[in-house]
C-alpha cells in the first residue's frame, strides 16, 4: 500500500470516528480527544488507540463495539486492532477547539 492510499484510508477512518458520539456528551469521540492514534498497516488493519472520558464509563462496551463495527466496515479496512488505554488519562484539555466551542468552553 502506498502512502497516498494509507492517508486516504486513515482520513476515512477519521470521518467515521467523527460520526460516533459519546452517549453522555453531545460531541463526537474524535473531537472529544478520545482517539489517541490511528494508523493502517500494509495488511489493511486499522490500529486505533483510544480512551474513555472515565475508566468506569457505563457505556464503554457499547462505544468500543460501535468503533469496531464502524471502522471495520470502512472502505480499505480489513480488520481493526483497537487498544483501550487510560494513560494518559483523558481531560478537558484534549478537546478540539470545535468541541470546546460546542460545549461552551471557548
PDB file of N, CA and C in Angstrom:
ATOM      1  N   UNK A   1       0.859  -1.173   0.000  1.00  0.00           N
ATOM      2  CA  UNK A   1       0.000   0.000   0.000  1.00  0.00           C
ATOM      3  C   UNK A   1       0.902   1.231   0.000  1.00  0.00           C
ATOM      4  N   UNK A   2       0.581   2.181  -0.871  1.00  0.00           N
ATOM      5  CA  UNK A   2       1.407   3.381  -0.910  1.00  0.00           C
ATOM      6  C   UNK A   2       0.911   4.416   0.116  1.00  0.00           C
ATOM      7  N   UNK A   3       1.705   5.448   0.298  1.00  0.00           N
ATOM      8  CA  UNK A   3       1.414   6.458   1.318  1.00  0.00           C
ATOM      9  C   UNK A   3       0.090   7.175   1.053  1.00  0.00           C
ATOM     10  N   UNK A   4      -0.229   7.419  -0.220  1.00  0.00           N
ATOM     11  CA  UNK A   4      -1.488   8.095  -0.542  1.00  0.00           C
ATOM     12  C   UNK A   4      -2.692   7.253  -0.149  1.00  0.00           C
ATOM     13  N   UNK A   5      -2.630   5.952  -0.458  1.00  0.00           N
ATOM     14  CA  UNK A   5      -3.733   5.056  -0.111  1.00  0.00           C
ATOM     15  C   UNK A   5      -3.881   4.986   1.409  1.00  0.00           C
ATOM     16  N   UNK A   6      -2.756   4.894   2.098  1.00  0.00           N
ATOM     17  CA  UNK A   6      -2.782   4.832   3.562  1.00  0.00           C
ATOM     18  C   UNK A   6      -3.428   6.102   4.134  1.00  0.00           C
ATOM     19  N   UNK A   7      -3.043   7.254   3.611  1.00  0.00           N
ATOM     20  CA  UNK A   7      -3.602   8.522   4.074  1.00  0.00           C
ATOM     21  C   UNK A   7      -5.103   8.594   3.793  1.00  0.00           C
ATOM     22  N   UNK A   8      -5.526   8.126   2.615  1.00  0.00           N
ATOM     23  CA  UNK A   8      -6.955   8.118   2.265  1.00  0.00           C
ATOM     24  C   UNK A   8      -7.751   7.272   3.254  1.00  0.00           C
ATOM     25  N   UNK A   9      -7.247   6.082   3.566  1.00  0.00           N
ATOM     26  CA  UNK A   9      -7.950   5.183   4.491  1.00  0.00           C
ATOM     27  C   UNK A   9      -7.989   5.806   5.891  1.00  0.00           C
ATOM     28  N   UNK A  10      -6.869   6.351   6.347  1.00  0.00           N
ATOM     29  CA  UNK A  10      -6.832   6.969   7.676  1.00  0.00           C
ATOM     30  C   UNK A  10      -7.781   8.169   7.746  1.00  0.00           C
ATOM     31  N   UNK A  11      -7.890   8.920   6.645  1.00  0.00           N
ATOM     32  CA  UNK A  11      -8.824  10.057   6.600  1.00  0.00           C
ATOM     33  C   UNK A  11     -10.266   9.564   6.660  1.00  0.00           C
ATOM     34  N   UNK A  12     -10.560   8.463   5.956  1.00  0.00           N
ATOM     35  CA  UNK A  12     -11.901   7.867   6.017  1.00  0.00           C
ATOM     36  C   UNK A  12     -12.223   7.428   7.441  1.00  0.00           C
ATOM     37  N   UNK A  13     -11.249   6.798   8.093  1.00  0.00           N
ATOM     38  CA  UNK A  13     -11.452   6.338   9.470  1.00  0.00           C
ATOM     39  C   UNK A  13     -11.749   7.530  10.379  1.00  0.00           C
ATOM     40  N   UNK A  14     -10.997   8.613  10.192  1.00  0.00           N
ATOM     41  CA  UNK A  14     -11.229   9.815  10.995  1.00  0.00           C
ATOM     42  C   UNK A  14     -12.668  10.304  10.805  1.00  0.00           C
ATOM     43  N   UNK A  15     -13.139  10.296   9.572  1.00  0.00           N
ATOM     44  CA  UNK A  15     -14.516  10.702   9.290  1.00  0.00           C
ATOM     45  C   UNK A  15     -15.526   9.805   9.985  1.00  0.00           C
ATOM     46  N   UNK A  16     -15.259   8.501   9.976  1.00  0.00           N
ATOM     47  CA  UNK A  16     -16.142   7.548  10.651  1.00  0.00           C
ATOM     48  C   UNK A  16     -16.156   7.831  12.153  1.00  0.00           C
ATOM     49  N   UNK A  17     -14.977   8.064  12.733  1.00  0.00           N
ATOM     50  CA  UNK A  17     -14.888   8.326  14.170  1.00  0.00           C
ATOM     51  C   UNK A  17     -15.630   9.618  14.548  1.00  0.00           C
ATOM     52  N   UNK A  18     -15.672  10.566  13.616  1.00  0.00           N
ATOM     53  CA  UNK A  18     -16.397  11.812  13.881  1.00  0.00           C
ATOM     54  C   UNK A  18     -17.911  11.614  13.818  1.00  0.00           C
ATOM     55  N   UNK A  19     -18.357  10.424  13.385  1.00  0.00           N
ATOM     56  CA  UNK A  19     -19.794  10.125  13.351  1.00  0.00           C
ATOM     57  C   UNK A  19     -20.237   9.349  14.588  1.00  0.00           C
ATOM     58  N   UNK A  20     -19.290   9.058  15.483  1.00  0.00           N
ATOM     59  CA  UNK A  20     -19.601   8.302  16.706  1.00  0.00           C
ATOM     60  C   UNK A  20     -19.591   9.276  17.876  1.00  0.00           C
ATOM     61  N   UNK A  21     -20.692   9.323  18.593  1.00  0.00           N
ATOM     62  CA  UNK A  21     -20.826  10.290  19.673  1.00  0.00           C
ATOM     63  C   UNK A  21     -20.785   9.622  21.035  1.00  0.00           C
ATOM     64  N   UNK A  22     -20.131  10.280  21.978  1.00  0.00           N
ATOM     65  CA  UNK A  22     -20.147   9.842  23.361  1.00  0.00           C
ATOM     66  C   UNK A  22     -21.604   9.942  23.818  1.00  0.00           C
ATOM     67  N   UNK A  23     -22.136   8.890  24.443  1.00  0.00           N
ATOM     68  CA  UNK A  23     -23.549   8.915  24.831  1.00  0.00           C
ATOM     69  C   UNK A  23     -23.879   9.971  25.897  1.00  0.00           C
ATOM     70  N   UNK A  24     -22.877  10.425  26.632  1.00  0.00           N
ATOM     71  CA  UNK A  24     -23.146  11.362  27.719  1.00  0.00           C
ATOM     72  C   UNK A  24     -22.795  12.805  27.378  1.00  0.00           C
ATOM     73  N   UNK A  25     -22.016  13.019  26.330  1.00  0.00           N
ATOM     74  CA  UNK A  25     -21.590  14.364  25.933  1.00  0.00           C
ATOM     75  C   UNK A  25     -21.926  14.508  24.450  1.00  0.00           C
ATOM     76  N   UNK A  26     -22.621  15.572  24.042  1.00  0.00           N
ATOM     77  CA  UNK A  26     -23.060  15.683  22.647  1.00  0.00           C
ATOM     78  C   UNK A  26     -21.949  16.096  21.674  1.00  0.00           C
ATOM     79  N   UNK A  27     -20.818  15.400  21.740  1.00  0.00           N
ATOM     80  CA  UNK A  27     -19.673  15.685  20.872  1.00  0.00           C
ATOM     81  C   UNK A  27     -19.128  14.339  20.396  1.00  0.00           C
ATOM     82  N   UNK A  28     -18.632  14.312  19.156  1.00  0.00           N
ATOM     83  CA  UNK A  28     -18.093  13.042  18.651  1.00  0.00           C
ATOM     84  C   UNK A  28     -16.791  12.676  19.362  1.00  0.00           C
ATOM     85  N   UNK A  29     -16.477  11.381  19.339  1.00  0.00           N
ATOM     86  CA  UNK A  29     -15.333  10.885  20.118  1.00  0.00           C
ATOM     87  C   UNK A  29     -13.998  11.399  19.595  1.00  0.00           C
ATOM     88  N   UNK A  30     -13.928  11.762  18.304  1.00  0.00           N
ATOM     89  CA  UNK A  30     -12.679  12.301  17.765  1.00  0.00           C
ATOM     90  C   UNK A  30     -12.423  13.700  18.333  1.00  0.00           C
ATOM     91  N   UNK A  31     -13.431  14.568  18.244  1.00  0.00           N
ATOM     92  CA  UNK A  31     -13.269  15.935  18.747  1.00  0.00           C
ATOM     93  C   UNK A  31     -13.200  15.989  20.272  1.00  0.00           C
ATOM     94  N   UNK A  32     -13.716  14.950  20.933  1.00  0.00           N
ATOM     95  CA  UNK A  32     -13.589  14.881  22.390  1.00  0.00           C
ATOM     96  C   UNK A  32     -12.141  14.603  22.799  1.00  0.00           C
ATOM     97  N   UNK A  33     -11.348  14.102  21.859  1.00  0.00           N
ATOM     98  CA  UNK A  33      -9.957  13.770  22.175  1.00  0.00           C
ATOM     99  C   UNK A  33      -9.802  12.362  22.701  1.00  0.00           C
ATOM    100  N   UNK A  34     -10.802  11.512  22.460  1.00  0.00           N
ATOM    101  CA  UNK A  34     -10.720  10.129  22.944  1.00  0.00           C
ATOM    102  C   UNK A  34      -9.865   9.240  22.048  1.00  0.00           C
ATOM    103  N   UNK A  35      -9.571   9.707  20.834  1.00  0.00           N
ATOM    104  CA  UNK A  35      -8.751   8.924  19.908  1.00  0.00           C
ATOM    105  C   UNK A  35      -7.305   9.414  20.006  1.00  0.00           C
ATOM    106  N   UNK A  36      -6.426   8.548  20.475  1.00  0.00           N
ATOM    107  CA  UNK A  36      -5.019   8.921  20.646  1.00  0.00           C
ATOM    108  C   UNK A  36      -4.197   8.679  19.388  1.00  0.00           C
ATOM    109  N   UNK A  37      -4.532   7.616  18.633  1.00  0.00           N
ATOM    110  CA  UNK A  37      -3.788   7.367  17.400  1.00  0.00           C
ATOM    111  C   UNK A  37      -4.604   6.525  16.432  1.00  0.00           C
ATOM    112  N   UNK A  38      -4.337   6.754  15.131  1.00  0.00           N
ATOM    113  CA  UNK A  38      -4.955   5.998  14.041  1.00  0.00           C
ATOM    114  C   UNK A  38      -3.836   5.676  13.061  1.00  0.00           C
ATOM    115  N   UNK A  39      -3.708   4.409  12.692  1.00  0.00           N
ATOM    116  CA  UNK A  39      -2.781   4.045  11.626  1.00  0.00           C
ATOM    117  C   UNK A  39      -3.323   2.813  10.915  1.00  0.00           C
ATOM    118  N   UNK A  40      -2.901   2.638   9.676  1.00  0.00           N
ATOM    119  CA  UNK A  40      -3.304   1.483   8.885  1.00  0.00           C
ATOM    120  C   UNK A  40      -2.031   0.842   8.362  1.00  0.00           C
ATOM    121  N   UNK A  41      -1.916  -0.471   8.561  1.00  0.00           N
ATOM    122  CA  UNK A  41      -0.700  -1.140   8.088  1.00  0.00           C
ATOM    123  C   UNK A  41      -0.905  -1.703   6.673  1.00  0.00           C
ATOM    124  N   UNK A  42       0.134  -2.327   6.130  1.00  0.00           N
ATOM    125  CA  UNK A  42       0.095  -2.829   4.756  1.00  0.00           C
ATOM    126  C   UNK A  42      -0.925  -3.944   4.553  1.00  0.00           C
ATOM    127  N   UNK A  43      -1.366  -4.576   5.631  1.00  0.00           N
ATOM    128  CA  UNK A  43      -2.378  -5.627   5.544  1.00  0.00           C
ATOM    129  C   UNK A  43      -3.790  -5.055   5.673  1.00  0.00           C
ATOM    130  N   UNK A  44      -3.887  -3.722   5.656  1.00  0.00           N
ATOM    131  CA  UNK A  44      -5.175  -3.013   5.774  1.00  0.00           C
ATOM    132  C   UNK A  44      -5.840  -3.233   7.133  1.00  0.00           C
ATOM    133  N   UNK A  45      -5.026  -3.391   8.144  1.00  0.00           N
ATOM    134  CA  UNK A  45      -5.535  -3.486   9.510  1.00  0.00           C
ATOM    135  C   UNK A  45      -5.427  -2.098  10.140  1.00  0.00           C
ATOM    136  N   UNK A  46      -6.557  -1.613  10.640  1.00  0.00           N
ATOM    137  CA  UNK A  46      -6.584  -0.306  11.297  1.00  0.00           C
ATOM    138  C   UNK A  46      -6.186  -0.489  12.757  1.00  0.00           C
ATOM    139  N   UNK A  47      -5.178   0.265  13.173  1.00  0.00           N
ATOM    140  CA  UNK A  47      -4.721   0.235  14.560  1.00  0.00           C
ATOM    141  C   UNK A  47      -5.169   1.542  15.212  1.00  0.00           C
ATOM    142  N   UNK A  48      -6.023   1.429  16.206  1.00  0.00           N
ATOM    143  CA  UNK A  48      -6.554   2.607  16.885  1.00  0.00           C
ATOM    144  C   UNK A  48      -6.298   2.476  18.380  1.00  0.00           C
ATOM    145  N   UNK A  49      -5.763   3.545  18.953  1.00  0.00           N
ATOM    146  CA  UNK A  49      -5.618   3.612  20.402  1.00  0.00           C
ATOM    147  C   UNK A  49      -6.568   4.700  20.874  1.00  0.00           C
ATOM    148  N   UNK A  50      -7.400   4.347  21.830  1.00  0.00           N
ATOM    149  CA  UNK A  50      -8.381   5.307  22.327  1.00  0.00           C
ATOM    150  C   UNK A  50      -8.534   5.191  23.837  1.00  0.00           C
ATOM    151  N   UNK A  51      -9.225   6.155  24.393  1.00  0.00           N
ATOM    152  CA  UNK A  51      -9.515   6.154  25.816  1.00  0.00           C
ATOM    153  C   UNK A  51     -10.994   6.462  26.000  1.00  0.00           C
ATOM    154  N   UNK A  52     -11.413   6.569  27.225  1.00  0.00           N
ATOM    155  CA  UNK A  52     -12.779   6.955  27.570  1.00  0.00           C
ATOM    156  C   UNK A  52     -12.703   8.166  28.495  1.00  0.00           C
ATOM    157  N   UNK A  53     -13.802   8.876  28.623  1.00  0.00           N
ATOM    158  CA  UNK A  53     -13.788  10.056  29.499  1.00  0.00           C
ATOM    159  C   UNK A  53     -13.577   9.654  30.952  1.00  0.00           C
ATOM    160  N   UNK A  54     -13.970   8.417  31.300  1.00  0.00           N
ATOM    161  CA  UNK A  54     -13.762   7.908  32.656  1.00  0.00           C
ATOM    162  C   UNK A  54     -13.584   6.391  32.584  1.00  0.00           C
ATOM    163  N   UNK A  55     -12.685   5.827  33.397  1.00  0.00           N
ATOM    164  CA  UNK A  55     -12.452   4.378  33.346  1.00  0.00           C
ATOM    165  C   UNK A  55     -13.712   3.557  33.638  1.00  0.00           C
ATOM    166  N   UNK A  56     -14.621   4.102  34.431  1.00  0.00           N
ATOM    167  CA  UNK A  56     -15.823   3.361  34.798  1.00  0.00           C
ATOM    168  C   UNK A  56     -17.037   3.789  33.974  1.00  0.00           C
ATOM    169  N   UNK A  57     -16.783   4.293  32.774  1.00  0.00           N
ATOM    170  CA  UNK A  57     -17.852   4.744  31.887  1.00  0.00           C
ATOM    171  C   UNK A  57     -18.854   3.609  31.664  1.00  0.00           C
ATOM    172  N   UNK A  58     -20.143   3.825  32.009  1.00  0.00           N
ATOM    173  CA  UNK A  58     -21.131   2.755  31.877  1.00  0.00           C
ATOM    174  C   UNK A  58     -21.412   2.366  30.421  1.00  0.00           C
ATOM    175  N   UNK A  59     -21.086   3.247  29.485  1.00  0.00           N
ATOM    176  CA  UNK A  59     -21.341   2.981  28.072  1.00  0.00           C
ATOM    177  C   UNK A  59     -20.087   2.493  27.342  1.00  0.00           C
ATOM    178  N   UNK A  60     -19.044   2.166  28.070  1.00  0.00           N
ATOM    179  CA  UNK A  60     -17.757   1.812  27.470  1.00  0.00           C
ATOM    180  C   UNK A  60     -17.884   0.692  26.436  1.00  0.00           C
ATOM    181  N   UNK A  61     -18.524  -0.399  26.815  1.00  0.00           N
ATOM    182  CA  UNK A  61     -18.609  -1.557  25.925  1.00  0.00           C
ATOM    183  C   UNK A  61     -19.342  -1.211  24.635  1.00  0.00           C
ATOM    184  N   UNK A  62     -20.440  -0.471  24.730  1.00  0.00           N
ATOM    185  CA  UNK A  62     -21.198  -0.086  23.539  1.00  0.00           C
ATOM    186  C   UNK A  62     -20.368   0.825  22.634  1.00  0.00           C
ATOM    187  N   UNK A  63     -19.650   1.756  23.234  1.00  0.00           N
ATOM    188  CA  UNK A  63     -18.833   2.689  22.467  1.00  0.00           C
ATOM    189  C   UNK A  63     -17.718   1.943  21.726  1.00  0.00           C
ATOM    190  N   UNK A  64     -17.059   1.031  22.409  1.00  0.00           N
ATOM    191  CA  UNK A  64     -15.975   0.247  21.809  1.00  0.00           C
ATOM    192  C   UNK A  64     -16.522  -0.622  20.672  1.00  0.00           C
ATOM    193  N   UNK A  65     -17.669  -1.245  20.890  1.00  0.00           N
ATOM    194  CA  UNK A  65     -18.272  -2.082  19.848  1.00  0.00           C
ATOM    195  C   UNK A  65     -18.657  -1.243  18.629  1.00  0.00           C
ATOM    196  N   UNK A  66     -19.161  -0.026  18.865  1.00  0.00           N
ATOM    197  CA  UNK A  66     -19.530   0.853  17.750  1.00  0.00           C
ATOM    198  C   UNK A  66     -18.291   1.241  16.943  1.00  0.00           C
ATOM    199  N   UNK A  67     -17.196   1.548  17.635  1.00  0.00           N
ATOM    200  CA  UNK A  67     -15.945   1.885  16.937  1.00  0.00           C
ATOM    201  C   UNK A  67     -15.485   0.686  16.108  1.00  0.00           C
ATOM    202  N   UNK A  68     -15.459  -0.497  16.703  1.00  0.00           N
ATOM    203  CA  UNK A  68     -15.020  -1.695  15.976  1.00  0.00           C
ATOM    204  C   UNK A  68     -15.890  -1.954  14.757  1.00  0.00           C
ATOM    205  N   UNK A  69     -17.206  -1.841  14.934  1.00  0.00           N
ATOM    206  CA  UNK A  69     -18.144  -2.123  13.855  1.00  0.00           C
ATOM    207  C   UNK A  69     -18.007  -1.113  12.714  1.00  0.00           C
ATOM    208  N   UNK A  70     -18.020   0.175  13.053  1.00  0.00           N
ATOM    209  CA  UNK A  70     -17.996   1.209  12.015  1.00  0.00           C
ATOM    210  C   UNK A  70     -16.636   1.317  11.328  1.00  0.00           C
ATOM    211  N   UNK A  71     -15.548   1.248  12.093  1.00  0.00           N
ATOM    212  CA  UNK A  71     -14.217   1.317  11.467  1.00  0.00           C
ATOM    213  C   UNK A  71     -13.970   0.044  10.662  1.00  0.00           C
ATOM    214  N   UNK A  72     -14.409  -1.097  11.194  1.00  0.00           N
ATOM    215  CA  UNK A  72     -14.248  -2.364  10.481  1.00  0.00           C
ATOM    216  C   UNK A  72     -14.971  -2.386   9.144  1.00  0.00           C
ATOM    217  N   UNK A  73     -16.029  -1.591   9.018  1.00  0.00           N
ATOM    218  CA  UNK A  73     -16.792  -1.524   7.786  1.00  0.00           C
ATOM    219  C   UNK A  73     -16.339  -0.409   6.846  1.00  0.00           C
ATOM    220  N   UNK A  74     -15.262   0.261   7.193  1.00  0.00           N
ATOM    221  CA  UNK A  74     -14.750   1.367   6.383  1.00  0.00           C
ATOM    222  C   UNK A  74     -14.029   0.831   5.156  1.00  0.00           C
ATOM    223  N   UNK A  75     -14.248   1.457   4.006  1.00  0.00           N
ATOM    224  CA  UNK A  75     -13.599   1.041   2.758  1.00  0.00           C
ATOM    225  C   UNK A  75     -12.080   1.058   2.937  1.00  0.00           C
ATOM    226  N   UNK A  76     -11.449  -0.065   2.607  1.00  0.00           N
ATOM    227  CA  UNK A  76      -9.995  -0.177   2.706  1.00  0.00           C
ATOM    228  C   UNK A  76      -9.521  -0.816   3.997  1.00  0.00           C
ATOM    229  N   UNK A  77     -10.448  -1.072   4.938  1.00  0.00           N
ATOM    230  CA  UNK A  77     -10.082  -1.684   6.223  1.00  0.00           C
ATOM    231  C   UNK A  77     -10.541  -3.135   6.221  1.00  0.00           C
ATOM    232  N   UNK A  78      -9.593  -4.055   6.468  1.00  0.00           N
ATOM    233  CA  UNK A  78      -9.929  -5.474   6.539  1.00  0.00           C
ATOM    234  C   UNK A  78     -10.229  -5.914   7.962  1.00  0.00           C
ATOM    235  N   UNK A  79      -9.567  -5.276   8.937  1.00  0.00           N
ATOM    236  CA  UNK A  79      -9.746  -5.648  10.338  1.00  0.00           C
ATOM    237  C   UNK A  79      -9.344  -4.462  11.201  1.00  0.00           C
ATOM    238  N   UNK A  80      -9.690  -4.528  12.476  1.00  0.00           N
ATOM    239  CA  UNK A  80      -9.341  -3.442  13.391  1.00  0.00           C
ATOM    240  C   UNK A  80      -8.677  -4.000  14.636  1.00  0.00           C
ATOM    241  N   UNK A  81      -7.604  -3.354  15.020  1.00  0.00           N
ATOM    242  CA  UNK A  81      -6.885  -3.667  16.256  1.00  0.00           C
ATOM    243  C   UNK A  81      -7.100  -2.451  17.164  1.00  0.00           C
ATOM    244  N   UNK A  82      -8.022  -2.594  18.116  1.00  0.00           N
ATOM    245  CA  UNK A  82      -8.380  -1.479  18.992  1.00  0.00           C
ATOM    246  C   UNK A  82      -7.753  -1.675  20.361  1.00  0.00           C
ATOM    247  N   UNK A  83      -7.002  -0.679  20.780  1.00  0.00           N
ATOM    248  CA  UNK A  83      -6.394  -0.713  22.111  1.00  0.00           C
ATOM    249  C   UNK A  83      -7.036   0.378  22.960  1.00  0.00           C
ATOM    250  N   UNK A  84      -7.477  -0.009  24.141  1.00  0.00           N
ATOM    251  CA  UNK A  84      -8.063   0.941  25.084  1.00  0.00           C
ATOM    252  C   UNK A  84      -7.009   1.239  26.141  1.00  0.00           C
ATOM    253  N   UNK A  85      -6.783   2.519  26.396  1.00  0.00           N
ATOM    254  CA  UNK A  85      -5.768   2.904  27.376  1.00  0.00           C
ATOM    255  C   UNK A  85      -6.300   4.014  28.270  1.00  0.00           C
ATOM    256  N   UNK A  86      -5.744   4.113  29.442  1.00  0.00           N
ATOM    257  CA  UNK A  86      -6.069   5.228  30.335  1.00  0.00           C
ATOM    258  C   UNK A  86      -4.800   5.985  30.704  1.00  0.00           C
ATOM    259  N   UNK A  87      -3.802   5.863  29.832  1.00  0.00           N
ATOM    260  CA  UNK A  87      -2.545   6.558  30.041  1.00  0.00           C
ATOM    261  C   UNK A  87      -2.147   7.245  28.742  1.00  0.00           C
ATOM    262  N   UNK A  88      -2.195   8.541  28.635  1.00  0.00           N
ATOM    263  CA  UNK A  88      -2.587   9.454  29.717  1.00  0.00           C
ATOM    264  C   UNK A  88      -4.097   9.473  29.900  1.00  0.00           C
ATOM    265  N   UNK A  89      -4.521   9.839  31.098  1.00  0.00           N
ATOM    266  CA  UNK A  89      -5.948   9.944  31.381  1.00  0.00           C
ATOM    267  C   UNK A  89      -6.532  11.099  30.577  1.00  0.00           C
ATOM    268  N   UNK A  90      -7.771  10.909  30.143  1.00  0.00           N
ATOM    269  CA  UNK A  90      -8.442  11.955  29.386  1.00  0.00           C
ATOM    270  C   UNK A  90      -8.783  13.129  30.304  1.00  0.00           C
ATOM    271  N   UNK A  91      -8.634  14.343  29.780  1.00  0.00           N
ATOM    272  CA  UNK A  91      -9.148  15.518  30.484  1.00  0.00           C
ATOM    273  C   UNK A  91      -9.608  16.541  29.450  1.00  0.00           C
ATOM    274  N   UNK A  92     -10.224  17.596  29.909  1.00  0.00           N
ATOM    275  CA  UNK A  92     -10.844  18.581  29.005  1.00  0.00           C
ATOM    276  C   UNK A  92      -9.846  19.264  28.082  1.00  0.00           C
ATOM    277  N   UNK A  93      -8.574  19.259  28.421  1.00  0.00           N
ATOM    278  CA  UNK A  93      -7.580  19.901  27.551  1.00  0.00           C
ATOM    279  C   UNK A  93      -7.436  19.156  26.224  1.00  0.00           C
ATOM    280  N   UNK A  94      -7.931  17.921  26.147  1.00  0.00           N
ATOM    281  CA  UNK A  94      -7.823  17.117  24.933  1.00  0.00           C
ATOM    282  C   UNK A  94      -8.932  17.414  23.932  1.00  0.00           C
ATOM    283  N   UNK A  95      -9.900  18.216  24.328  1.00  0.00           N
ATOM    284  CA  UNK A  95     -10.991  18.581  23.433  1.00  0.00           C
ATOM    285  C   UNK A  95     -10.459  19.406  22.263  1.00  0.00           C
ATOM    286  N   UNK A  96     -11.014  19.180  21.076  1.00  0.00           N
ATOM    287  CA  UNK A  96     -10.656  20.026  19.937  1.00  0.00           C
ATOM    288  C   UNK A  96     -11.282  21.403  20.168  1.00  0.00           C
ATOM    289  N   UNK A  97     -10.788  22.414  19.453  1.00  0.00           N
ATOM    290  CA  UNK A  97     -11.378  23.749  19.579  1.00  0.00           C
ATOM    291  C   UNK A  97     -12.859  23.717  19.217  1.00  0.00           C
ATOM    292  N   UNK A  98     -13.202  22.893  18.217  1.00  0.00           N
ATOM    293  CA  UNK A  98     -14.601  22.752  17.793  1.00  0.00           C
ATOM    294  C   UNK A  98     -15.457  22.229  18.954  1.00  0.00           C
ATOM    295  N   UNK A  99     -14.942  21.225  19.666  1.00  0.00           N
ATOM    296  CA  UNK A  99     -15.684  20.648  20.801  1.00  0.00           C
ATOM    297  C   UNK A  99     -15.774  21.653  21.943  1.00  0.00           C
ATOM    298  N   UNK A 100     -14.680  22.373  22.207  1.00  0.00           N
ATOM    299  CA  UNK A 100     -14.707  23.390  23.270  1.00  0.00           C
ATOM    300  C   UNK A 100     -15.748  24.455  22.978  1.00  0.00           C
ATOM    301  N   UNK A 101     -15.833  24.859  21.722  1.00  0.00           N
ATOM    302  CA  UNK A 101     -16.816  25.864  21.315  1.00  0.00           C
ATOM    303  C   UNK A 101     -18.231  25.311  21.502  1.00  0.00           C
ATOM    304  N   UNK A 102     -18.442  24.062  21.062  1.00  0.00           N
ATOM    305  CA  UNK A 102     -19.758  23.436  21.158  1.00  0.00           C
ATOM    306  C   UNK A 102     -20.204  23.282  22.616  1.00  0.00           C
ATOM    307  N   UNK A 103     -19.259  23.011  23.497  1.00  0.00           N
ATOM    308  CA  UNK A 103     -19.583  22.801  24.908  1.00  0.00           C
ATOM    309  C   UNK A 103     -19.536  24.081  25.730  1.00  0.00           C
ATOM    310  N   UNK A 104     -19.214  25.195  25.065  1.00  0.00           N
ATOM    311  CA  UNK A 104     -19.203  26.480  25.756  1.00  0.00           C
ATOM    312  C   UNK A 104     -17.940  26.756  26.557  1.00  0.00           C
ATOM    313  N   UNK A 105     -16.836  26.078  26.223  1.00  0.00           N
ATOM    314  CA  UNK A 105     -15.567  26.293  26.940  1.00  0.00           C
ATOM    315  C   UNK A 105     -14.718  27.379  26.289  1.00  0.00           C
ATOM    316  N   UNK A 106     -15.145  27.896  25.125  1.00  0.00           N
ATOM    317  CA  UNK A 106     -14.389  28.958  24.441  1.00  0.00           C
ATOM    318  C   UNK A 106     -15.203  30.228  24.417  1.00  0.00           C
TER     319      UNK A 106
END
